Amino acid sequence: MRLLFIAITLSSSWALAHEEMGPRIDAWAKSLRSKSGESCCAAADGWRATEVTWDIGTGRYRVMIEGEWQDVPDSAVVEGPNRAGFAMVWWYTQWEGGALKKRIRCFIPGDAS
């Protein structure tokens, strides 16, 4: 019984965190496209980028993904207003050269980025 309570509590916490952005923000996220024209998908597919830097030397964004700094390709940057207010990154892994590599599909800077 105790394990069932914990499972329900954890799944409810995830659902509340997901719904926190609301349908209006999710519809906006689904409409986003990177400079290359690629769809970013939904807000639920994006990650809140808590560690973001602007590299003055290269004029590019960098984001922390799973403990590693990743350069944001210029083609992945989304231009326009950010309705979420915080930086978001949409990324995936791809098998390349015998290893999994992280690839950034879209990035939108936040208010403080």
PDB file of N, CA and C in Angstrom:
ATOM      1  N   MET A   1       0.824  -1.184   0.000  1.00  0.00           N
ATOM      2  CA  MET A   1       0.000   0.000   0.000  1.00  0.00           C
ATOM      3  C   MET A   1       0.876   1.259   0.000  1.00  0.00           C
ATOM      4  N   ARG A   2       1.927   1.213   0.787  1.00  0.00           N
ATOM      5  CA  ARG A   2       2.825   2.368   0.878  1.00  0.00           C
ATOM      6  C   ARG A   2       3.498   2.653  -0.468  1.00  0.00           C
ATOM      7  N   LEU A   3       3.910   1.597  -1.179  1.00  0.00           N
ATOM      8  CA  LEU A   3       4.534   1.769  -2.490  1.00  0.00           C
ATOM      9  C   LEU A   3       3.546   2.360  -3.492  1.00  0.00           C
ATOM     10  N   LEU A   4       2.302   1.961  -3.413  1.00  0.00           N
ATOM     11  CA  LEU A   4       1.278   2.507  -4.295  1.00  0.00           C
ATOM     12  C   LEU A   4       1.117   4.005  -4.048  1.00  0.00           C
ATOM     13  N   PHE A   5       1.106   4.422  -2.784  1.00  0.00           N
ATOM     14  CA  PHE A   5       0.994   5.840  -2.439  1.00  0.00           C
ATOM     15  C   PHE A   5       2.171   6.625  -2.999  1.00  0.00           C
ATOM     16  N   ILE A   6       3.377   6.078  -2.863  1.00  0.00           N
ATOM     17  CA  ILE A   6       4.574   6.751  -3.380  1.00  0.00           C
ATOM     18  C   ILE A   6       4.491   6.872  -4.894  1.00  0.00           C
ATOM     19  N   ALA A   7       4.071   5.817  -5.582  1.00  0.00           N
ATOM     20  CA  ALA A   7       3.964   5.850  -7.042  1.00  0.00           C
ATOM     21  C   ALA A   7       2.949   6.881  -7.496  1.00  0.00           C
ATOM     22  N   ILE A   8       1.809   6.943  -6.822  1.00  0.00           N
ATOM     23  CA  ILE A   8       0.786   7.935  -7.184  1.00  0.00           C
ATOM     24  C   ILE A   8       1.297   9.337  -6.922  1.00  0.00           C
ATOM     25  N   THR A   9       1.979   9.547  -5.810  1.00  0.00           N
ATOM     26  CA  THR A   9       2.521  10.858  -5.475  1.00  0.00           C
ATOM     27  C   THR A   9       3.541  11.307  -6.512  1.00  0.00           C
ATOM     28  N   LEU A  10       4.444  10.413  -6.903  1.00  0.00           N
ATOM     29  CA  LEU A  10       5.456  10.767  -7.893  1.00  0.00           C
ATOM     30  C   LEU A  10       4.827  11.073  -9.238  1.00  0.00           C
ATOM     31  N   SER A  11       3.868  10.260  -9.673  1.00  0.00           N
ATOM     32  CA  SER A  11       3.249  10.519 -10.968  1.00  0.00           C
ATOM     33  C   SER A  11       2.434  11.807 -10.926  1.00  0.00           C
ATOM     34  N   SER A  12       1.820  12.125  -9.817  1.00  0.00           N
ATOM     35  CA  SER A  12       1.076  13.378  -9.689  1.00  0.00           C
ATOM     36  C   SER A  12       2.019  14.565  -9.736  1.00  0.00           C
ATOM     37  N   SER A  13       3.172  14.452  -9.108  1.00  0.00           N
ATOM     38  CA  SER A  13       4.148  15.550  -9.122  1.00  0.00           C
ATOM     39  C   SER A  13       4.610  15.812 -10.546  1.00  0.00           C
ATOM     40  N   TRP A  14       4.855  14.739 -11.313  1.00  0.00           N
ATOM     41  CA  TRP A  14       5.286  14.922 -12.690  1.00  0.00           C
ATOM     42  C   TRP A  14       4.191  15.606 -13.489  1.00  0.00           C
ATOM     43  N   ALA A  15       2.953  15.166 -13.308  1.00  0.00           N
ATOM     44  CA  ALA A  15       1.840  15.748 -14.062  1.00  0.00           C
ATOM     45  C   ALA A  15       1.661  17.217 -13.721  1.00  0.00           C
ATOM     46  N   LEU A  16       1.762  17.572 -12.460  1.00  0.00           N
ATOM     47  CA  LEU A  16       1.626  18.975 -12.068  1.00  0.00           C
ATOM     48  C   LEU A  16       2.744  19.819 -12.662  1.00  0.00           C
ATOM     49  N   ALA A  17       3.959  19.287 -12.654  1.00  0.00           N
ATOM     50  CA  ALA A  17       5.081  20.042 -13.230  1.00  0.00           C
ATOM     51  C   ALA A  17       4.881  20.237 -14.726  1.00  0.00           C
ATOM     52  N   HIS A  18       4.385  19.220 -15.414  1.00  0.00           N
ATOM     53  CA  HIS A  18       4.148  19.311 -16.849  1.00  0.00           C
ATOM     54  C   HIS A  18       3.040  20.305 -17.155  1.00  0.00           C
ATOM     55  N   GLU A  19       1.958  20.272 -16.376  1.00  0.00           N
ATOM     56  CA  GLU A  19       0.816  21.137 -16.624  1.00  0.00           C
ATOM     57  C   GLU A  19       1.051  22.567 -16.164  1.00  0.00           C
ATOM     58  N   GLU A  20       2.117  22.798 -15.426  1.00  0.00           N
ATOM     59  CA  GLU A  20       2.418  24.124 -14.898  1.00  0.00           C
ATOM     60  C   GLU A  20       2.470  25.172 -16.010  1.00  0.00           C
ATOM     61  N   MET A  21       2.954  24.787 -17.179  1.00  0.00           N
ATOM     62  CA  MET A  21       3.069  25.733 -18.281  1.00  0.00           C
ATOM     63  C   MET A  21       1.717  26.002 -18.922  1.00  0.00           C
ATOM     64  N   GLY A  22       0.804  25.073 -18.875  1.00  0.00           N
ATOM     65  CA  GLY A  22      -0.544  25.285 -19.375  1.00  0.00           C
ATOM     66  C   GLY A  22      -0.672  25.095 -20.870  1.00  0.00           C
ATOM     67  N   PRO A  23      -1.896  24.924 -21.324  1.00  0.00           N
ATOM     68  CA  PRO A  23      -2.136  24.662 -22.741  1.00  0.00           C
ATOM     69  C   PRO A  23      -1.758  25.830 -23.647  1.00  0.00           C
ATOM     70  N   ARG A  24      -1.879  27.066 -23.149  1.00  0.00           N
ATOM     71  CA  ARG A  24      -1.530  28.231 -23.974  1.00  0.00           C
ATOM     72  C   ARG A  24      -0.041  28.225 -24.308  1.00  0.00           C
ATOM     73  N   ILE A  25       0.785  27.925 -23.318  1.00  0.00           N
ATOM     74  CA  ILE A  25       2.229  27.877 -23.532  1.00  0.00           C
ATOM     75  C   ILE A  25       2.583  26.668 -24.393  1.00  0.00           C
ATOM     76  N   ASP A  26       1.900  25.556 -24.192  1.00  0.00           N
ATOM     77  CA  ASP A  26       2.196  24.369 -24.986  1.00  0.00           C
ATOM     78  C   ASP A  26       1.874  24.611 -26.460  1.00  0.00           C
ATOM     79  N   ALA A  27       0.761  25.294 -26.738  1.00  0.00           N
ATOM     80  CA  ALA A  27       0.413  25.613 -28.129  1.00  0.00           C
ATOM     81  C   ALA A  27       1.473  26.522 -28.741  1.00  0.00           C
ATOM     82  N   TRP A  28       1.962  27.482 -27.970  1.00  0.00           N
ATOM     83  CA  TRP A  28       3.029  28.366 -28.438  1.00  0.00           C
ATOM     84  C   TRP A  28       4.284  27.552 -28.748  1.00  0.00           C
ATOM     85  N   ALA A  29       4.672  26.645 -27.833  1.00  0.00           N
ATOM     86  CA  ALA A  29       5.880  25.833 -28.024  1.00  0.00           C
ATOM     87  C   ALA A  29       5.769  24.972 -29.277  1.00  0.00           C
ATOM     88  N   LYS A  30       4.590  24.430 -29.545  1.00  0.00           N
ATOM     89  CA  LYS A  30       4.400  23.598 -30.736  1.00  0.00           C
ATOM     90  C   LYS A  30       4.561  24.407 -32.021  1.00  0.00           C
ATOM     91  N   SER A  31       4.369  25.717 -31.931  1.00  0.00           N
ATOM     92  CA  SER A  31       4.498  26.568 -33.121  1.00  0.00           C
ATOM     93  C   SER A  31       5.933  27.034 -33.369  1.00  0.00           C
ATOM     94  N   LEU A  32       6.836  26.800 -32.412  1.00  0.00           N
ATOM     95  CA  LEU A  32       8.206  27.290 -32.538  1.00  0.00           C
ATOM     96  C   LEU A  32       8.981  26.549 -33.619  1.00  0.00           C
ATOM     97  N   ARG A  33       9.825  27.302 -34.299  1.00  0.00           N
ATOM     98  CA  ARG A  33      10.732  26.742 -35.307  1.00  0.00           C
ATOM     99  C   ARG A  33      12.102  27.379 -35.123  1.00  0.00           C
ATOM    100  N   SER A  34      13.128  26.565 -35.320  1.00  0.00           N
ATOM    101  CA  SER A  34      14.502  27.077 -35.254  1.00  0.00           C
ATOM    102  C   SER A  34      14.788  27.892 -36.512  1.00  0.00           C
ATOM    103  N   LYS A  35      15.956  28.534 -36.544  1.00  0.00           N
ATOM    104  CA  LYS A  35      16.351  29.292 -37.736  1.00  0.00           C
ATOM    105  C   LYS A  35      16.407  28.405 -38.970  1.00  0.00           C
ATOM    106  N   SER A  36      16.701  27.124 -38.763  1.00  0.00           N
ATOM    107  CA  SER A  36      16.771  26.197 -39.895  1.00  0.00           C
ATOM    108  C   SER A  36      15.392  25.733 -40.345  1.00  0.00           C
ATOM    109  N   GLY A  37      14.335  26.127 -39.596  1.00  0.00           N
ATOM    110  CA  GLY A  37      12.973  25.754 -39.962  1.00  0.00           C
ATOM    111  C   GLY A  37      12.480  24.479 -39.303  1.00  0.00           C
ATOM    112  N   GLU A  38      13.313  23.867 -38.468  1.00  0.00           N
ATOM    113  CA  GLU A  38      12.927  22.625 -37.809  1.00  0.00           C
ATOM    114  C   GLU A  38      11.956  22.905 -36.665  1.00  0.00           C
ATOM    115  N   SER A  39      10.933  22.074 -36.546  1.00  0.00           N
ATOM    116  CA  SER A  39       9.959  22.211 -35.467  1.00  0.00           C
ATOM    117  C   SER A  39      10.599  21.825 -34.142  1.00  0.00           C
ATOM    118  N   CYS A  40      10.295  22.590 -33.117  1.00  0.00           N
ATOM    119  CA  CYS A  40      10.847  22.294 -31.793  1.00  0.00           C
ATOM    120  C   CYS A  40      10.023  21.246 -31.064  1.00  0.00           C
ATOM    121  N   CYS A  41       8.812  20.998 -31.493  1.00  0.00           N
ATOM    122  CA  CYS A  41       7.861  20.078 -30.871  1.00  0.00           C
ATOM    123  C   CYS A  41       7.136  20.784 -29.738  1.00  0.00           C
ATOM    124  N   ALA A  42       6.695  20.047 -28.744  1.00  0.00           N
ATOM    125  CA  ALA A  42       5.888  20.610 -27.663  1.00  0.00           C
ATOM    126  C   ALA A  42       6.750  21.063 -26.495  1.00  0.00           C
ATOM    127  N   ALA A  43       6.143  21.823 -25.599  1.00  0.00           N
ATOM    128  CA  ALA A  43       6.844  22.272 -24.394  1.00  0.00           C
ATOM    129  C   ALA A  43       7.282  21.070 -23.563  1.00  0.00           C
ATOM    130  N   ALA A  44       6.482  20.017 -23.565  1.00  0.00           N
ATOM    131  CA  ALA A  44       6.824  18.819 -22.791  1.00  0.00           C
ATOM    132  C   ALA A  44       8.085  18.142 -23.313  1.00  0.00           C
ATOM    133  N   ASP A  45       8.444  18.397 -24.563  1.00  0.00           N
ATOM    134  CA  ASP A  45       9.647  17.812 -25.144  1.00  0.00           C
ATOM    135  C   ASP A  45      10.884  18.651 -24.850  1.00  0.00           C
ATOM    136  N   GLY A  46      10.681  19.872 -24.414  1.00  0.00           N
ATOM    137  CA  GLY A  46      11.797  20.767 -24.124  1.00  0.00           C
ATOM    138  C   GLY A  46      12.230  20.656 -22.671  1.00  0.00           C
ATOM    139  N   TRP A  47      13.434  21.076 -22.414  1.00  0.00           N
ATOM    140  CA  TRP A  47      13.994  21.058 -21.071  1.00  0.00           C
ATOM    141  C   TRP A  47      14.267  22.487 -20.651  1.00  0.00           C
ATOM    142  N   ARG A  48      13.991  22.788 -19.407  1.00  0.00           N
ATOM    143  CA  ARG A  48      14.327  24.098 -18.876  1.00  0.00           C
ATOM    144  C   ARG A  48      15.845  24.164 -18.760  1.00  0.00           C
ATOM    145  N   ALA A  49      16.429  25.102 -19.461  1.00  0.00           N
ATOM    146  CA  ALA A  49      17.889  25.235 -19.442  1.00  0.00           C
ATOM    147  C   ALA A  49      18.268  26.118 -18.251  1.00  0.00           C
ATOM    148  N   THR A  50      18.671  25.482 -17.151  1.00  0.00           N
ATOM    149  CA  THR A  50      18.984  26.240 -15.946  1.00  0.00           C
ATOM    150  C   THR A  50      20.377  26.851 -15.996  1.00  0.00           C
ATOM    151  N   GLU A  51      21.266  26.246 -16.737  1.00  0.00           N
ATOM    152  CA  GLU A  51      22.620  26.796 -16.864  1.00  0.00           C
ATOM    153  C   GLU A  51      22.867  27.136 -18.326  1.00  0.00           C
ATOM    154  N   VAL A  52      22.858  28.425 -18.612  1.00  0.00           N
ATOM    155  CA  VAL A  52      23.042  28.932 -19.967  1.00  0.00           C
ATOM    156  C   VAL A  52      24.090  30.021 -19.911  1.00  0.00           C
ATOM    157  N   THR A  53      25.014  30.008 -20.861  1.00  0.00           N
ATOM    158  CA  THR A  53      25.986  31.095 -20.943  1.00  0.00           C
ATOM    159  C   THR A  53      25.973  31.651 -22.360  1.00  0.00           C
ATOM    160  N   TRP A  54      26.404  32.869 -22.476  1.00  0.00           N
ATOM    161  CA  TRP A  54      26.610  33.501 -23.772  1.00  0.00           C
ATOM    162  C   TRP A  54      28.110  33.646 -23.907  1.00  0.00           C
ATOM    163  N   ASP A  55      28.703  32.951 -24.862  1.00  0.00           N
ATOM    164  CA  ASP A  55      30.147  32.975 -25.060  1.00  0.00           C
ATOM    165  C   ASP A  55      30.498  34.186 -25.922  1.00  0.00           C
ATOM    166  N   ILE A  56      31.039  35.213 -25.276  1.00  0.00           N
ATOM    167  CA  ILE A  56      31.347  36.463 -25.975  1.00  0.00           C
ATOM    168  C   ILE A  56      32.388  36.244 -27.067  1.00  0.00           C
ATOM    169  N   GLY A  57      33.327  35.345 -26.817  1.00  0.00           N
ATOM    170  CA  GLY A  57      34.388  35.097 -27.789  1.00  0.00           C
ATOM    171  C   GLY A  57      33.876  34.546 -29.110  1.00  0.00           C
ATOM    172  N   THR A  58      32.886  33.677 -29.040  1.00  0.00           N
ATOM    173  CA  THR A  58      32.355  33.065 -30.265  1.00  0.00           C
ATOM    174  C   THR A  58      30.993  33.630 -30.646  1.00  0.00           C
ATOM    175  N   GLY A  59      30.369  34.389 -29.745  1.00  0.00           N
ATOM    176  CA  GLY A  59      29.046  34.937 -30.027  1.00  0.00           C
ATOM    177  C   GLY A  59      27.976  33.875 -30.090  1.00  0.00           C
ATOM    178  N   ARG A  60      28.113  32.820 -29.277  1.00  0.00           N
ATOM    179  CA  ARG A  60      27.171  31.702 -29.297  1.00  0.00           C
ATOM    180  C   ARG A  60      26.703  31.384 -27.885  1.00  0.00           C
ATOM    181  N   TYR A  61      25.542  30.750 -27.825  1.00  0.00           N
ATOM    182  CA  TYR A  61      25.038  30.236 -26.558  1.00  0.00           C
ATOM    183  C   TYR A  61      25.665  28.879 -26.283  1.00  0.00           C
ATOM    184  N   ARG A  62      25.761  28.581 -24.981  1.00  0.00           N
ATOM    185  CA  ARG A  62      26.151  27.253 -24.527  1.00  0.00           C
ATOM    186  C   ARG A  62      25.169  26.861 -23.439  1.00  0.00           C
ATOM    187  N   VAL A  63      24.774  25.600 -23.417  1.00  0.00           N
ATOM    188  CA  VAL A  63      23.854  25.110 -22.392  1.00  0.00           C
ATOM    189  C   VAL A  63      24.429  23.852 -21.751  1.00  0.00           C
ATOM    190  N   MET A  64      24.079  23.658 -20.486  1.00  0.00           N
ATOM    191  CA  MET A  64      24.505  22.469 -19.759  1.00  0.00           C
ATOM    192  C   MET A  64      23.445  21.396 -19.966  1.00  0.00           C
ATOM    193  N   ILE A  65      23.852  20.246 -20.519  1.00  0.00           N
ATOM    194  CA  ILE A  65      22.964  19.109 -20.711  1.00  0.00           C
ATOM    195  C   ILE A  65      23.621  17.898 -20.078  1.00  0.00           C
ATOM    196  N   GLU A  66      22.938  17.340 -19.079  1.00  0.00           N
ATOM    197  CA  GLU A  66      23.425  16.161 -18.362  1.00  0.00           C
ATOM    198  C   GLU A  66      24.879  16.329 -17.927  1.00  0.00           C
ATOM    199  N   GLY A  67      25.199  17.483 -17.372  1.00  0.00           N
ATOM    200  CA  GLY A  67      26.525  17.728 -16.808  1.00  0.00           C
ATOM    201  C   GLY A  67      27.601  18.105 -17.810  1.00  0.00           C
ATOM    202  N   GLU A  68      27.242  18.276 -19.078  1.00  0.00           N
ATOM    203  CA  GLU A  68      28.220  18.639 -20.113  1.00  0.00           C
ATOM    204  C   GLU A  68      27.790  19.911 -20.825  1.00  0.00           C
ATOM    205  N   TRP A  69      28.734  20.828 -21.050  1.00  0.00           N
ATOM    206  CA  TRP A  69      28.440  22.030 -21.819  1.00  0.00           C
ATOM    207  C   TRP A  69      28.323  21.673 -23.288  1.00  0.00           C
ATOM    208  N   GLN A  70      27.278  22.163 -23.912  1.00  0.00           N
ATOM    209  CA  GLN A  70      27.040  21.932 -25.337  1.00  0.00           C
ATOM    210  C   GLN A  70      26.905  23.286 -26.030  1.00  0.00           C
ATOM    211  N   ASP A  71      27.600  23.456 -27.147  1.00  0.00           N
ATOM    212  CA  ASP A  71      27.434  24.665 -27.945  1.00  0.00           C
ATOM    213  C   ASP A  71      26.112  24.585 -28.694  1.00  0.00           C
ATOM    214  N   VAL A  72      25.368  25.679 -28.681  1.00  0.00           N
ATOM    215  CA  VAL A  72      24.097  25.735 -29.410  1.00  0.00           C
ATOM    216  C   VAL A  72      24.400  26.175 -30.836  1.00  0.00           C
ATOM    217  N   PRO A  73      24.087  25.343 -31.823  1.00  0.00           N
ATOM    218  CA  PRO A  73      24.299  25.767 -33.209  1.00  0.00           C
ATOM    219  C   PRO A  73      23.437  26.984 -33.524  1.00  0.00           C
ATOM    220  N   ASP A  74      23.984  27.907 -34.305  1.00  0.00           N
ATOM    221  CA  ASP A  74      23.216  29.098 -34.682  1.00  0.00           C
ATOM    222  C   ASP A  74      21.889  28.720 -35.328  1.00  0.00           C
ATOM    223  N   SER A  75      21.879  27.637 -36.094  1.00  0.00           N
ATOM    224  CA  SER A  75      20.659  27.218 -36.796  1.00  0.00           C
ATOM    225  C   SER A  75      19.578  26.720 -35.840  1.00  0.00           C
ATOM    226  N   ALA A  76      19.934  26.389 -34.576  1.00  0.00           N
ATOM    227  CA  ALA A  76      18.968  25.872 -33.612  1.00  0.00           C
ATOM    228  C   ALA A  76      18.308  26.977 -32.783  1.00  0.00           C
ATOM    229  N   VAL A  77      18.823  28.196 -32.858  1.00  0.00           N
ATOM    230  CA  VAL A  77      18.281  29.288 -32.052  1.00  0.00           C
ATOM    231  C   VAL A  77      16.918  29.714 -32.583  1.00  0.00           C
ATOM    232  N   VAL A  78      15.978  29.878 -31.660  1.00  0.00           N
ATOM    233  CA  VAL A  78      14.633  30.348 -31.991  1.00  0.00           C
ATOM    234  C   VAL A  78      14.594  31.840 -31.710  1.00  0.00           C
ATOM    235  N   GLU A  79      14.187  32.604 -32.702  1.00  0.00           N
ATOM    236  CA  GLU A  79      14.101  34.051 -32.526  1.00  0.00           C
ATOM    237  C   GLU A  79      12.663  34.431 -32.195  1.00  0.00           C
ATOM    238  N   GLY A  80      12.507  35.509 -31.486  1.00  0.00           N
ATOM    239  CA  GLY A  80      11.173  35.977 -31.134  1.00  0.00           C
ATOM    240  C   GLY A  80      10.971  35.947 -29.637  1.00  0.00           C
ATOM    241  N   PRO A  81       9.818  36.429 -29.198  1.00  0.00           N
ATOM    242  CA  PRO A  81       9.555  36.495 -27.761  1.00  0.00           C
ATOM    243  C   PRO A  81       9.422  35.111 -27.139  1.00  0.00           C
ATOM    244  N   ASN A  82       9.875  35.009 -25.901  1.00  0.00           N
ATOM    245  CA  ASN A  82       9.810  33.760 -25.158  1.00  0.00           C
ATOM    246  C   ASN A  82       8.668  33.861 -24.151  1.00  0.00           C
ATOM    247  N   ARG A  83       7.564  33.217 -24.431  1.00  0.00           N
ATOM    248  CA  ARG A  83       6.395  33.276 -23.556  1.00  0.00           C
ATOM    249  C   ARG A  83       6.581  32.502 -22.266  1.00  0.00           C
ATOM    250  N   ALA A  84       7.499  31.548 -22.247  1.00  0.00           N
ATOM    251  CA  ALA A  84       7.756  30.787 -21.021  1.00  0.00           C
ATOM    252  C   ALA A  84       8.549  31.624 -20.030  1.00  0.00           C
ATOM    253  N   GLY A  85       9.383  32.535 -20.535  1.00  0.00           N
ATOM    254  CA  GLY A  85      10.176  33.396 -19.662  1.00  0.00           C
ATOM    255  C   GLY A  85      11.549  32.846 -19.322  1.00  0.00           C
ATOM    256  N   PHE A  86      11.713  31.541 -19.354  1.00  0.00           N
ATOM    257  CA  PHE A  86      13.010  30.936 -19.038  1.00  0.00           C
ATOM    258  C   PHE A  86      13.569  30.258 -20.282  1.00  0.00           C
ATOM    259  N   ALA A  87      14.876  30.109 -20.321  1.00  0.00           N
ATOM    260  CA  ALA A  87      15.524  29.462 -21.465  1.00  0.00           C
ATOM    261  C   ALA A  87      15.077  28.005 -21.554  1.00  0.00           C
ATOM    262  N   MET A  88      14.849  27.554 -22.794  1.00  0.00           N
ATOM    263  CA  MET A  88      14.476  26.164 -23.026  1.00  0.00           C
ATOM    264  C   MET A  88      15.336  25.590 -24.137  1.00  0.00           C
ATOM    265  N   VAL A  89      15.635  24.298 -23.999  1.00  0.00           N
ATOM    266  CA  VAL A  89      16.415  23.606 -25.021  1.00  0.00           C
ATOM    267  C   VAL A  89      15.715  22.297 -25.370  1.00  0.00           C
ATOM    268  N   TRP A  90      15.659  22.011 -26.653  1.00  0.00           N
ATOM    269  CA  TRP A  90      15.115  20.748 -27.162  1.00  0.00           C
ATOM    270  C   TRP A  90      16.301  19.980 -27.737  1.00  0.00           C
ATOM    271  N   TRP A  91      16.583  18.821 -27.174  1.00  0.00           N
ATOM    272  CA  TRP A  91      17.747  18.067 -27.628  1.00  0.00           C
ATOM    273  C   TRP A  91      17.405  16.586 -27.743  1.00  0.00           C
ATOM    274  N   TYR A  92      18.297  15.886 -28.429  1.00  0.00           N
ATOM    275  CA  TYR A  92      18.137  14.448 -28.634  1.00  0.00           C
ATOM    276  C   TYR A  92      19.529  13.836 -28.725  1.00  0.00           C
ATOM    277  N   THR A  93      19.581  12.519 -28.676  1.00  0.00           N
ATOM    278  CA  THR A  93      20.859  11.824 -28.860  1.00  0.00           C
ATOM    279  C   THR A  93      20.849  11.125 -30.208  1.00  0.00           C
ATOM    280  N   GLN A  94      22.033  11.041 -30.784  1.00  0.00           N
ATOM    281  CA  GLN A  94      22.181  10.417 -32.101  1.00  0.00           C
ATOM    282  C   GLN A  94      23.447   9.566 -32.086  1.00  0.00           C
ATOM    283  N   TRP A  95      23.343   8.369 -32.634  1.00  0.00           N
ATOM    284  CA  TRP A  95      24.494   7.473 -32.721  1.00  0.00           C
ATOM    285  C   TRP A  95      25.412   7.977 -33.824  1.00  0.00           C
ATOM    286  N   GLU A  96      26.650   8.264 -33.469  1.00  0.00           N
ATOM    287  CA  GLU A  96      27.583   8.803 -34.457  1.00  0.00           C
ATOM    288  C   GLU A  96      29.003   8.384 -34.090  1.00  0.00           C
ATOM    289  N   GLY A  97      29.692   7.791 -35.021  1.00  0.00           N
ATOM    290  CA  GLY A  97      31.079   7.398 -34.791  1.00  0.00           C
ATOM    291  C   GLY A  97      31.268   6.440 -33.635  1.00  0.00           C
ATOM    292  N   GLY A  98      30.314   5.551 -33.430  1.00  0.00           N
ATOM    293  CA  GLY A  98      30.434   4.551 -32.374  1.00  0.00           C
ATOM    294  C   GLY A  98      30.033   5.047 -30.996  1.00  0.00           C
ATOM    295  N   ALA A  99      29.447   6.246 -30.904  1.00  0.00           N
ATOM    296  CA  ALA A  99      29.037   6.777 -29.606  1.00  0.00           C
ATOM    297  C   ALA A  99      27.767   7.611 -29.753  1.00  0.00           C
ATOM    298  N   LEU A 100      27.060   7.754 -28.647  1.00  0.00           N
ATOM    299  CA  LEU A 100      25.886   8.624 -28.638  1.00  0.00           C
ATOM    300  C   LEU A 100      26.329  10.066 -28.471  1.00  0.00           C
ATOM    301  N   LYS A 101      25.854  10.928 -29.328  1.00  0.00           N
ATOM    302  CA  LYS A 101      26.180  12.361 -29.276  1.00  0.00           C
ATOM    303  C   LYS A 101      24.906  13.140 -28.997  1.00  0.00           C
ATOM    304  N   LYS A 102      25.023  14.178 -28.194  1.00  0.00           N
ATOM    305  CA  LYS A 102      23.883  15.059 -27.934  1.00  0.00           C
ATOM    306  C   LYS A 102      23.780  16.078 -29.056  1.00  0.00           C
ATOM    307  N   ARG A 103      22.572  16.262 -29.553  1.00  0.00           N
ATOM    308  CA  ARG A 103      22.303  17.222 -30.621  1.00  0.00           C
ATOM    309  C   ARG A 103      21.191  18.152 -30.176  1.00  0.00           C
ATOM    310  N   ILE A 104      21.356  19.430 -30.420  1.00  0.00           N
ATOM    311  CA  ILE A 104      20.361  20.420 -30.031  1.00  0.00           C
ATOM    312  C   ILE A 104      19.496  20.740 -31.244  1.00  0.00           C
ATOM    313  N   ARG A 105      18.195  20.508 -31.097  1.00  0.00           N
ATOM    314  CA  ARG A 105      17.235  20.792 -32.166  1.00  0.00           C
ATOM    315  C   ARG A 105      16.832  22.261 -32.120  1.00  0.00           C
ATOM    316  N   CYS A 106      16.496  22.764 -30.924  1.00  0.00           N
ATOM    317  CA  CYS A 106      16.063  24.143 -30.755  1.00  0.00           C
ATOM    318  C   CYS A 106      16.547  24.689 -29.413  1.00  0.00           C
ATOM    319  N   PHE A 107      16.721  25.988 -29.363  1.00  0.00           N
ATOM    320  CA  PHE A 107      17.064  26.696 -28.129  1.00  0.00           C
ATOM    321  C   PHE A 107      16.422  28.070 -28.187  1.00  0.00           C
ATOM    322  N   ILE A 108      15.761  28.442 -27.113  1.00  0.00           N
ATOM    323  CA  ILE A 108      15.219  29.798 -26.999  1.00  0.00           C
ATOM    324  C   ILE A 108      15.747  30.413 -25.719  1.00  0.00           C
ATOM    325  N   PRO A 109      16.410  31.564 -25.837  1.00  0.00           N
ATOM    326  CA  PRO A 109      16.959  32.203 -24.642  1.00  0.00           C
ATOM    327  C   PRO A 109      15.842  32.667 -23.704  1.00  0.00           C
ATOM    328  N   GLY A 110      16.148  32.712 -22.434  1.00  0.00           N
ATOM    329  CA  GLY A 110      15.197  33.200 -21.441  1.00  0.00           C
ATOM    330  C   GLY A 110      15.372  34.695 -21.225  1.00  0.00           C
ATOM    331  N   ASP A 111      14.574  35.223 -20.313  1.00  0.00           N
ATOM    332  CA  ASP A 111      14.623  36.643 -20.015  1.00  0.00           C
ATOM    333  C   ASP A 111      16.000  37.098 -19.541  1.00  0.00           C
ATOM    334  N   ALA A 112      16.686  36.255 -18.764  1.00  0.00           N
ATOM    335  CA  ALA A 112      17.970  36.649 -18.196  1.00  0.00           C
ATOM    336  C   ALA A 112      19.163  36.124 -18.998  1.00  0.00           C
ATOM    337  N   SER A 113      18.915  35.440 -20.119  1.00  0.00           N
ATOM    338  CA  SER A 113      20.031  34.864 -20.898  1.00  0.00           C
ATOM    339  C   SER A 113      20.745  35.954 -21.669  1.00  0.00           C
TER     340      SER A 113
END
